[in-house]
Amino acid sequence: MPKLTVEETPLTEELLHHKVAVATVRGRPYYNITSALKLMDLQFDSLSPEEAAASNARVIITTQDEAEIVNKKSVVMLDTELEKYPAIVKAKILRSMTGEYIDDQLTIGIDPGSRIGISAIYLHQEILSIVESSPEDTVQQISAMLGGIESRKKVVKIGDGNMAMARQIARMLKLKFGERVEIEIVDEHGTSLPQNTDANRRGARDRSSARTIAFRSGKRFILKSP
């Protein structure tokens, strides 16, 4: 996957460092926030709310009550947001670091089936890689990202391995977002990992297929009148 660049400069770990601050003195929220950030491979500083208020952190993550102490214009995110939709928070963090980055397309790949793989790519970073169990849960997860992430162009690419489910998901999203989101049906051939592996049972095969689908061109889905 290509590196994220800002004005032709790679967004290296050095640029990411010291721009995210975890600002809470409460044990459980601190553990939840830092665990989520580690899973997202994001570096951070641990500060008190008072220290965060005086810092130059680009993004501050805190709790509802302590946000009043921080009280500054930096991007302040609450621990409840991180818990519910971590991909949206990661997207906001990346956006705050890059500013008005030109290529900010949000691309979501979906591998439909008994386990539905989802991969979301934003600013050249994979911000989400999960497996859902139903079309309804899939649409809910994707709708949250489409509605909550700032992007000039949003594209959803759905594999054709289960065409009935692919069309179901495409129709639900098209009815909800209309022309604000492009939807493509993608040829899935060659996207899957080998069968009968431990990784398959953990859903890695579905996630990998969704990631490959996200980078393929497909045929645009057009919603037909009933």
Protein backbone atom coordinates (compact mmCIF):
# COMPACT_ATOMS: atom_id res chain seq x y z
CA MET A 1 0.00 0.00 0.00
CA PRO A 2 1.49 3.43 -0.91
CA LYS A 3 2.57 5.76 1.90
CA LEU A 4 0.42 8.72 2.78
CA THR A 5 2.03 11.94 1.56
CA VAL A 6 1.55 15.55 2.60
CA GLU A 7 2.73 18.03 -0.06
CA GLU A 8 4.91 15.27 -1.59
CA THR A 9 6.37 14.34 1.82
CA PRO A 10 5.70 10.84 3.20
CA LEU A 11 3.65 10.83 6.38
CA THR A 12 6.24 8.98 8.45
CA GLU A 13 6.03 7.82 12.05
CA GLU A 14 7.99 10.95 13.01
CA LEU A 15 5.24 13.19 11.63
CA LEU A 16 2.59 11.17 13.42
CA HIS A 17 4.39 11.34 16.75
CA HIS A 18 3.39 13.89 19.40
CA LYS A 19 0.28 14.99 17.51
CA VAL A 20 -2.23 12.85 19.39
CA ALA A 21 -2.76 13.34 23.11
CA VAL A 22 -4.74 11.13 25.48
CA ALA A 23 -5.99 13.53 28.13
CA THR A 24 -7.68 11.79 31.03
CA VAL A 25 -6.79 10.88 34.59
CA ARG A 26 -9.48 8.18 34.76
CA GLY A 27 -8.20 4.63 34.66
CA ARG A 28 -10.83 2.77 32.65
CA PRO A 29 -11.28 5.41 29.90
CA TYR A 30 -7.49 5.75 29.63
CA TYR A 31 -7.11 2.02 29.14
CA ASN A 32 -9.88 1.88 26.53
CA ILE A 33 -8.53 4.86 24.56
CA THR A 34 -4.90 3.75 24.54
CA SER A 35 -5.81 0.17 23.65
CA ALA A 36 -7.77 1.41 20.63
CA LEU A 37 -4.95 3.71 19.51
CA LYS A 38 -2.42 0.89 19.77
CA LEU A 39 -4.62 -1.33 17.63
CA MET A 40 -4.69 1.47 15.05
CA ASP A 41 -0.86 1.78 15.18
CA LEU A 42 -1.09 5.43 16.24
CA GLN A 43 1.45 6.96 18.59
CA PHE A 44 0.27 9.29 21.35
CA ASP A 45 1.28 11.28 24.41
CA SER A 46 -0.39 10.76 27.77
CA LEU A 47 -1.31 14.08 29.39
CA SER A 48 -3.61 15.40 32.05
CA PRO A 49 -6.50 17.53 30.76
CA GLU A 50 -4.70 20.63 32.09
CA GLU A 51 -1.47 19.69 30.29
CA ALA A 52 -3.41 18.98 27.09
CA ALA A 53 -4.99 22.43 27.25
CA ALA A 54 -1.53 24.00 27.20
CA SER A 55 -0.04 21.61 24.64
CA ASN A 56 0.31 21.91 20.87
CA ALA A 57 -1.32 18.54 20.24
CA ARG A 58 -3.24 18.42 16.97
CA VAL A 59 -5.74 15.89 18.32
CA ILE A 60 -6.87 15.42 21.91
CA ILE A 61 -8.91 12.44 23.04
CA THR A 62 -10.62 12.72 26.40
CA THR A 63 -13.87 12.03 28.24
CA GLN A 64 -17.11 14.01 28.19
CA ASP A 65 -16.49 15.66 31.56
CA GLU A 66 -12.79 16.36 31.06
CA ALA A 67 -13.39 17.95 27.64
CA GLU A 68 -14.54 21.05 29.50
CA ILE A 69 -11.12 21.27 31.17
CA VAL A 70 -9.26 20.90 27.86
CA ASN A 71 -11.44 23.61 26.28
CA LYS A 72 -9.38 24.44 23.20
CA LYS A 73 -9.78 24.51 19.42
CA SER A 74 -7.72 21.40 18.71
CA VAL A 75 -9.72 18.43 17.50
CA VAL A 76 -11.18 17.02 20.72
CA MET A 77 -12.68 13.54 20.51
CA LEU A 78 -14.53 11.74 23.22
CA ASP A 79 -13.82 8.21 24.40
CA THR A 80 -17.41 7.24 23.55
CA GLU A 81 -16.84 8.15 19.88
CA LEU A 82 -13.71 6.02 19.77
CA GLU A 83 -15.52 3.05 21.27
CA LYS A 84 -18.46 3.10 18.85
CA TYR A 85 -16.83 3.97 15.51
CA PRO A 86 -13.02 3.82 15.78
CA ALA A 87 -12.61 4.11 11.98
CA ILE A 88 -14.25 7.54 11.99
CA VAL A 89 -11.95 8.72 14.77
CA LYS A 90 -8.89 7.41 12.95
CA ALA A 91 -10.04 9.20 9.79
CA LYS A 92 -10.44 12.47 11.72
CA ILE A 93 -6.98 12.03 13.25
CA LEU A 94 -5.41 11.47 9.84
CA ARG A 95 -7.31 14.41 8.38
CA SER A 96 -6.20 16.76 11.15
CA MET A 97 -2.57 15.80 10.50
CA THR A 98 -2.69 16.22 6.74
CA GLY A 99 -4.90 19.29 6.44
CA GLU A 100 -6.34 19.93 2.96
CA TYR A 101 -4.85 16.84 1.38
CA ILE A 102 -5.80 16.59 -2.31
CA ASP A 103 -6.42 12.84 -2.64
CA ASP A 104 -8.83 12.32 0.23
CA GLN A 105 -11.07 9.73 -1.45
CA LEU A 106 -12.78 7.30 0.90
CA THR A 107 -12.95 3.83 -0.64
CA ILE A 108 -14.79 0.96 1.01
CA GLY A 109 -14.41 -2.61 -0.23
CA ILE A 110 -16.98 -5.28 0.64
CA ASP A 111 -16.69 -9.05 0.23
CA PRO A 112 -20.27 -10.37 0.58
CA GLY A 113 -21.00 -13.87 1.84
CA SER A 114 -21.78 -15.79 5.02
CA ARG A 115 -19.12 -13.57 6.62
CA ILE A 116 -18.98 -10.11 5.08
CA GLY A 117 -15.49 -8.64 4.88
CA ILE A 118 -15.14 -4.85 4.99
CA SER A 119 -12.04 -2.76 4.30
CA ALA A 120 -12.01 1.06 4.33
CA ILE A 121 -9.17 3.05 2.75
CA TYR A 122 -8.75 6.77 3.50
CA LEU A 123 -5.74 8.99 2.82
CA HIS A 124 -3.95 5.85 1.59
CA GLN A 125 -4.36 4.19 4.98
CA GLU A 126 -6.58 1.24 5.86
CA ILE A 127 -8.70 2.64 8.67
CA LEU A 128 -10.99 -0.37 9.07
CA SER A 129 -10.73 -4.12 8.45
CA ILE A 130 -13.56 -6.12 9.98
CA VAL A 131 -16.08 -8.89 9.34
CA GLU A 132 -19.83 -8.43 9.76
CA SER A 133 -22.47 -11.15 9.89
CA SER A 134 -25.42 -9.57 8.03
CA PRO A 135 -26.15 -7.10 5.24
CA GLU A 136 -28.00 -4.89 7.73
CA ASP A 137 -25.01 -4.66 10.10
CA THR A 138 -22.75 -4.04 7.11
CA VAL A 139 -24.88 -1.16 5.85
CA GLN A 140 -25.03 0.34 9.35
CA GLN A 141 -21.24 0.25 9.70
CA ILE A 142 -20.62 1.65 6.23
CA SER A 143 -23.32 4.31 6.56
CA ALA A 144 -21.62 5.60 9.70
CA MET A 145 -18.34 6.00 7.83
CA LEU A 146 -19.92 7.56 4.75
CA GLY A 147 -21.76 10.07 6.92
CA GLY A 148 -19.00 10.74 9.45
CA ILE A 149 -15.83 11.01 7.34
CA GLU A 150 -14.97 14.17 5.42
CA SER A 151 -14.06 13.35 1.82
CA ARG A 152 -14.48 14.92 -1.60
CA LYS A 153 -15.27 11.55 -3.16
CA LYS A 154 -16.75 8.41 -1.61
CA VAL A 155 -16.78 5.06 -3.40
CA VAL A 156 -18.15 1.70 -2.25
CA LYS A 157 -16.95 -1.37 -4.16
CA ILE A 158 -18.81 -4.65 -3.66
CA GLY A 159 -17.58 -8.05 -4.82
CA ASP A 160 -19.81 -10.11 -7.11
CA GLY A 161 -19.19 -13.48 -5.41
CA ASN A 162 -22.71 -13.37 -3.94
CA MET A 163 -24.57 -11.24 -6.45
CA ALA A 164 -27.91 -11.28 -4.64
CA MET A 165 -26.32 -9.95 -1.45
CA ALA A 166 -24.13 -7.51 -3.39
CA ARG A 167 -27.20 -5.99 -5.03
CA GLN A 168 -29.04 -5.90 -1.69
CA ILE A 169 -26.24 -3.96 0.00
CA ALA A 170 -25.80 -1.69 -3.03
CA ARG A 171 -29.51 -0.91 -3.15
CA MET A 172 -29.71 -0.11 0.57
CA LEU A 173 -26.74 2.26 0.35
CA LYS A 174 -27.96 3.89 -2.86
CA LEU A 175 -31.38 4.57 -1.38
CA LYS A 176 -29.72 6.18 1.63
CA PHE A 177 -26.99 8.26 -0.03
CA GLY A 178 -28.07 8.67 -3.64
CA GLU A 179 -25.52 10.39 -5.88
CA ARG A 180 -23.34 11.42 -2.94
CA VAL A 181 -21.72 7.98 -3.07
CA GLU A 182 -20.51 5.98 -6.07
CA ILE A 183 -21.19 2.25 -5.91
CA GLU A 184 -19.43 -0.33 -8.07
CA ILE A 185 -19.84 -4.08 -8.48
CA VAL A 186 -16.38 -5.67 -8.75
CA ASP A 187 -15.23 -8.98 -10.21
CA GLU A 188 -14.04 -11.00 -7.21
CA HIS A 189 -12.01 -13.54 -9.20
CA GLY A 190 -8.62 -14.11 -7.59
CA THR A 191 -9.26 -12.02 -4.48
CA SER A 192 -9.47 -14.86 -1.94
CA LEU A 193 -6.75 -16.51 0.13
CA PRO A 194 -6.44 -20.32 -0.07
CA GLN A 195 -9.19 -22.32 1.63
CA ASN A 196 -8.96 -24.38 4.85
CA THR A 197 -6.53 -22.28 6.86
CA ASP A 198 -6.68 -21.02 10.43
CA ALA A 199 -6.66 -17.49 9.03
CA ASN A 200 -9.90 -18.21 7.19
CA ARG A 201 -11.64 -19.20 10.43
CA ARG A 202 -10.57 -15.90 11.98
CA GLY A 203 -12.05 -13.95 9.08
CA ALA A 204 -8.68 -12.94 7.59
CA ARG A 205 -9.70 -14.33 4.21
CA ASP A 206 -12.82 -12.16 4.10
CA ARG A 207 -10.94 -9.05 5.19
CA SER A 208 -8.17 -9.66 2.67
CA SER A 209 -10.68 -10.12 -0.14
CA ALA A 210 -12.44 -6.88 0.84
CA ARG A 211 -9.11 -5.04 0.77
CA THR A 212 -8.33 -6.35 -2.73
CA ILE A 213 -11.83 -5.43 -3.92
CA ALA A 214 -11.31 -1.86 -2.65
CA PHE A 215 -8.39 -1.43 -5.07
CA ARG A 216 -10.15 -2.88 -8.13
CA SER A 217 -12.24 -1.08 -10.70
CA GLY A 218 -15.80 -2.28 -11.15
CA LYS A 219 -19.02 -1.64 -12.99
CA ARG A 220 -21.07 1.25 -11.67
CA PHE A 221 -24.27 0.23 -9.90
CA ILE A 222 -27.38 2.07 -11.07
CA LEU A 223 -30.50 1.87 -8.96
CA LYS A 224 -33.42 0.84 -11.12
CA SER A 225 -37.00 1.78 -10.39
CA PRO A 226 -39.09 -1.08 -8.93
